[in-house]
Amino acid sequence: MEKNIIRLSRFLSYVLRHAPEEIGLELGEGGWVSTSDLIAKAGTHGQRLTTEILAEIVATNDKKRFTLSPDGMRIRAAQGHSVTVDLDLAPMAPPDLLYHGTAAKVLDRILAEGLKPQSRRHVHLSLDMETAHKVGMRHGKPVILIVAADHMHRDGVHFYRADNGVWLTSHVAPHYLTVKG
């Protein structure tokens, strides 16, 4: 069953973050979709979902990628979208420092251009170095960047905190970055 949950979690990430149209879904306000619509449309595309399976995926996803509405009638991806969506997150003051894990092979480019969202809507930042290190490992030899988030915020840059605790911003200019030594 665990392998099936992982496979379905990946399917949900793809559909809710990148390609809802692939199964005939349209993300509503805040990126929400009806769980019943998701279950029905996933079923027509060979993916067997139930409300119980959705609840298990939300509860057990290690990165807390998904959020169920309090009544369980709607679901959304917490962050990581490549499609245009307004998650309706209020700007917040970030902690003094945040962290970003990346691969050593792209470090020179980042130090020249800063952190950009690439194919996503936002740059993703972590609260701790351990999480940033894990993210960096997915891309090759990891490097951790320290982000002067409080300084950025005082300079007028907006920050948002996703449902899963990931901090989001539009861009991090190079002068706010320090490579962890």
Protein backbone atom coordinates (compact mmCIF):
# COMPACT_ATOMS: atom_id res chain seq x y z
CA MET A 1 0.00 0.00 0.00
CA GLU A 2 2.85 2.43 0.81
CA LYS A 3 4.17 2.34 -2.78
CA ASN A 4 0.68 3.11 -4.01
CA ILE A 5 0.43 6.12 -1.65
CA ILE A 6 3.79 7.43 -2.91
CA ARG A 7 2.70 6.98 -6.53
CA LEU A 8 -0.62 8.74 -5.87
CA SER A 9 1.16 11.53 -3.98
CA ARG A 10 3.36 12.13 -7.02
CA PHE A 11 0.28 12.14 -9.22
CA LEU A 12 -1.35 14.75 -6.93
CA SER A 13 1.80 16.89 -6.99
CA TYR A 14 1.77 16.87 -10.77
CA VAL A 15 -1.94 17.62 -11.10
CA LEU A 16 -2.34 20.15 -8.28
CA ARG A 17 0.94 22.00 -8.86
CA HIS A 18 1.67 21.78 -12.56
CA ALA A 19 -1.02 20.38 -14.86
CA PRO A 20 -4.58 20.31 -13.53
CA GLU A 21 -5.86 20.47 -17.11
CA GLU A 22 -4.31 17.05 -17.80
CA ILE A 23 -7.27 15.46 -16.02
CA GLY A 24 -9.80 18.21 -16.75
CA LEU A 25 -9.46 20.08 -13.45
CA GLU A 26 -9.37 23.82 -12.98
CA LEU A 27 -7.81 25.22 -9.84
CA GLY A 28 -10.22 27.49 -8.03
CA GLU A 29 -9.56 30.49 -5.84
CA GLY A 30 -6.57 29.86 -3.59
CA GLY A 31 -5.59 26.81 -5.67
CA TRP A 32 -8.40 24.73 -4.15
CA VAL A 33 -10.27 21.95 -5.95
CA SER A 34 -13.21 19.89 -4.80
CA THR A 35 -12.09 16.51 -3.47
CA SER A 36 -15.06 14.85 -5.15
CA ASP A 37 -14.11 16.41 -8.53
CA LEU A 38 -10.49 15.35 -8.05
CA ILE A 39 -11.49 11.78 -7.17
CA ALA A 40 -13.85 11.53 -10.15
CA LYS A 41 -11.47 13.03 -12.70
CA ALA A 42 -8.49 11.05 -11.41
CA GLY A 43 -10.59 7.89 -11.76
CA THR A 44 -11.27 8.61 -15.43
CA HIS A 45 -7.49 8.76 -15.87
CA GLY A 46 -6.77 5.44 -14.17
CA GLN A 47 -5.90 6.79 -10.71
CA ARG A 48 -8.01 5.30 -7.92
CA LEU A 49 -8.49 7.86 -5.16
CA THR A 50 -10.91 7.92 -2.23
CA THR A 51 -11.46 10.48 0.52
CA GLU A 52 -9.61 8.11 2.86
CA ILE A 53 -6.62 7.84 0.50
CA LEU A 54 -6.51 11.63 0.11
CA ALA A 55 -6.57 12.06 3.90
CA GLU A 56 -3.74 9.53 4.26
CA ILE A 57 -1.64 11.28 1.60
CA VAL A 58 -2.14 14.66 3.28
CA ALA A 59 -1.34 13.25 6.73
CA THR A 60 1.72 11.22 5.73
CA ASN A 61 3.41 13.30 3.02
CA ASP A 62 6.87 14.01 4.40
CA LYS A 63 6.96 17.49 2.89
CA LYS A 64 3.34 18.33 3.79
CA ARG A 65 2.74 19.23 0.14
CA PHE A 66 -1.04 19.19 0.40
CA THR A 67 -3.70 20.86 2.49
CA LEU A 68 -7.23 19.65 3.08
CA SER A 69 -9.87 22.23 3.97
CA PRO A 70 -11.21 21.86 7.53
CA ASP A 71 -14.39 20.20 6.23
CA GLY A 72 -12.40 17.84 3.95
CA MET A 73 -14.35 18.98 0.90
CA ARG A 74 -11.41 20.72 -0.84
CA ILE A 75 -7.69 20.07 -1.34
CA ARG A 76 -4.78 22.08 -2.68
CA ALA A 77 -1.03 21.95 -3.07
CA ALA A 78 0.59 24.00 -0.30
CA GLN A 79 3.27 25.47 -2.60
CA GLY A 80 5.50 24.61 -5.53
CA HIS A 81 3.14 25.60 -8.33
CA SER A 82 4.32 26.22 -11.86
CA VAL A 83 0.79 27.19 -12.95
CA THR A 84 -0.54 30.63 -12.11
CA VAL A 85 -2.35 30.48 -8.80
CA ASP A 86 -2.87 32.93 -5.96
CA LEU A 87 -2.63 30.94 -2.73
CA ASP A 88 -4.15 33.92 -0.92
CA LEU A 89 -1.27 34.05 1.54
CA ALA A 90 -0.76 37.27 3.48
CA PRO A 91 2.69 38.84 3.45
CA MET A 92 4.55 38.14 6.70
CA ALA A 93 7.73 39.23 8.39
CA PRO A 94 10.21 36.37 8.01
CA PRO A 95 12.75 35.21 10.59
CA ASP A 96 16.14 36.95 10.45
CA LEU A 97 17.68 34.14 8.40
CA LEU A 98 16.29 31.56 6.01
CA TYR A 99 18.12 28.88 4.03
CA HIS A 100 18.16 27.53 0.50
CA GLY A 101 19.66 24.22 -0.57
CA THR A 102 21.03 23.94 -4.08
CA ALA A 103 23.67 22.13 -6.10
CA ALA A 104 27.31 23.23 -6.19
CA LYS A 105 27.23 23.16 -10.01
CA VAL A 106 24.84 26.17 -10.13
CA LEU A 107 26.40 28.20 -7.32
CA ASP A 108 28.34 30.63 -9.55
CA ARG A 109 25.19 31.48 -11.51
CA ILE A 110 23.19 32.00 -8.31
CA LEU A 111 25.87 34.25 -6.81
CA ALA A 112 25.79 36.33 -10.01
CA GLU A 113 22.02 36.45 -10.58
CA GLY A 114 20.47 35.59 -7.22
CA LEU A 115 17.81 32.98 -6.53
CA LYS A 116 15.03 32.90 -9.10
CA PRO A 117 11.84 30.83 -9.04
CA GLN A 118 12.79 29.12 -12.32
CA SER A 119 9.66 27.22 -13.46
CA ARG A 120 7.87 27.83 -10.13
CA ARG A 121 5.92 30.83 -8.92
CA HIS A 122 8.24 31.54 -5.96
CA VAL A 123 11.68 30.89 -4.56
CA HIS A 124 11.38 28.31 -1.75
CA LEU A 125 13.26 28.91 1.48
CA SER A 126 13.68 26.71 4.54
CA LEU A 127 13.63 27.54 8.23
CA ASP A 128 16.63 25.34 8.98
CA MET A 129 19.87 24.19 7.42
CA GLU A 130 18.99 20.50 7.70
CA THR A 131 15.97 20.89 5.41
CA ALA A 132 17.97 23.04 2.99
CA HIS A 133 20.70 20.37 2.92
CA LYS A 134 18.13 17.68 2.04
CA VAL A 135 16.79 19.85 -0.78
CA GLY A 136 20.30 20.49 -2.09
CA MET A 137 21.09 16.78 -2.09
CA ARG A 138 18.28 16.17 -4.59
CA HIS A 139 20.16 18.28 -7.14
CA GLY A 140 23.74 17.03 -6.76
CA LYS A 141 26.54 17.99 -4.37
CA PRO A 142 24.66 20.17 -1.88
CA VAL A 143 25.44 23.77 -0.99
CA ILE A 144 23.51 25.74 1.60
CA LEU A 145 22.86 29.42 1.06
CA ILE A 146 22.03 31.67 4.01
CA VAL A 147 19.43 34.28 3.12
CA ALA A 148 19.34 37.60 4.99
CA ALA A 149 15.53 37.48 5.05
CA ASP A 150 15.01 40.19 7.68
CA HIS A 151 17.24 42.56 5.69
CA MET A 152 15.27 41.78 2.52
CA HIS A 153 11.99 42.38 4.34
CA ARG A 154 13.22 45.74 5.69
CA ASP A 155 14.15 46.61 2.09
CA GLY A 156 10.54 46.02 1.03
CA VAL A 157 10.65 42.44 -0.28
CA HIS A 158 7.50 40.44 0.50
CA PHE A 159 7.61 37.01 2.12
CA TYR A 160 4.83 34.46 2.50
CA ARG A 161 4.63 31.27 4.54
CA ALA A 162 2.93 28.34 2.82
CA ASP A 163 0.59 25.98 4.65
CA ASN A 164 3.49 23.56 5.09
CA GLY A 165 5.88 26.12 6.60
CA VAL A 166 7.99 26.73 3.48
CA TRP A 167 8.84 30.42 3.08
CA LEU A 168 8.19 31.93 -0.34
CA THR A 169 9.44 35.08 -2.07
CA SER A 170 9.71 36.28 -5.64
CA HIS A 171 13.51 36.59 -5.95
CA VAL A 172 16.59 36.77 -3.73
CA ALA A 173 19.20 39.22 -5.01
CA PRO A 174 22.84 38.09 -4.70
CA HIS A 175 23.75 40.64 -2.02
CA TYR A 176 21.33 38.94 0.41
CA LEU A 177 23.11 35.58 0.04
CA THR A 178 25.98 34.02 1.94
CA VAL A 179 27.38 30.58 1.22
CA LYS A 180 27.52 28.46 4.35
CA GLY A 181 31.20 27.74 4.91
